[in-house]
Amino acid sequence: MVKGHGPMNRDRLAHKVKAWEDGAWVREAAAAHAAKRSRRRVA
């Protein structure tokens, strides 16, 4: 059973954090696009 204390756990978590941080611009762009679309529908 994997408990998260193995030798590769630190590398795996670092990769996951980096991927989340690198994808921030995509999430921001999607939120901006959704906000723009909702403003257009209201007006």
Protein backbone atom coordinates (compact mmCIF):
# COMPACT_ATOMS: atom_id res chain seq x y z
CA MET A 1 0.00 0.00 0.00
CA VAL A 2 1.28 3.44 -0.86
CA LYS A 3 1.35 5.79 2.13
CA GLY A 4 3.10 8.74 0.53
CA HIS A 5 6.42 8.35 2.32
CA GLY A 6 8.36 6.76 -0.51
CA PRO A 7 11.52 8.14 -2.10
CA MET A 8 9.68 9.55 -5.12
CA ASN A 9 6.88 11.23 -3.18
CA ARG A 10 8.68 14.57 -2.91
CA ASP A 11 9.37 14.58 -6.65
CA ARG A 12 5.78 13.61 -7.44
CA LEU A 13 4.37 16.38 -5.27
CA ALA A 14 6.82 18.94 -6.65
CA HIS A 15 5.73 18.02 -10.18
CA LYS A 16 2.07 18.35 -9.22
CA VAL A 17 2.63 21.80 -7.66
CA LYS A 18 4.63 22.99 -10.68
CA ALA A 19 1.91 21.80 -13.06
CA TRP A 20 -0.73 23.66 -11.01
CA GLU A 21 1.34 26.84 -11.00
CA ASP A 22 2.15 26.59 -14.71
CA GLY A 23 -1.55 26.19 -15.49
CA ALA A 24 -2.60 29.30 -13.56
CA TRP A 25 -2.70 31.44 -16.70
CA VAL A 26 -5.18 29.04 -18.29
CA ARG A 27 -7.51 29.20 -15.29
CA GLU A 28 -7.24 33.00 -15.21
CA ALA A 29 -7.97 33.26 -18.93
CA ALA A 30 -10.98 30.95 -18.63
CA ALA A 31 -12.36 32.99 -15.72
CA ALA A 32 -11.86 36.24 -17.64
CA HIS A 33 -13.56 34.76 -20.70
CA ALA A 34 -16.52 33.56 -18.63
CA ALA A 35 -16.86 36.97 -16.99
CA LYS A 36 -16.76 38.69 -20.37
CA ARG A 37 -19.44 36.39 -21.75
CA SER A 38 -21.69 36.91 -18.73
CA ARG A 39 -21.34 40.71 -19.06
CA ARG A 40 -22.33 40.48 -22.73
CA ARG A 41 -25.43 38.43 -21.95
CA VAL A 42 -26.61 40.83 -19.23
CA ALA A 43 -26.14 43.96 -21.34
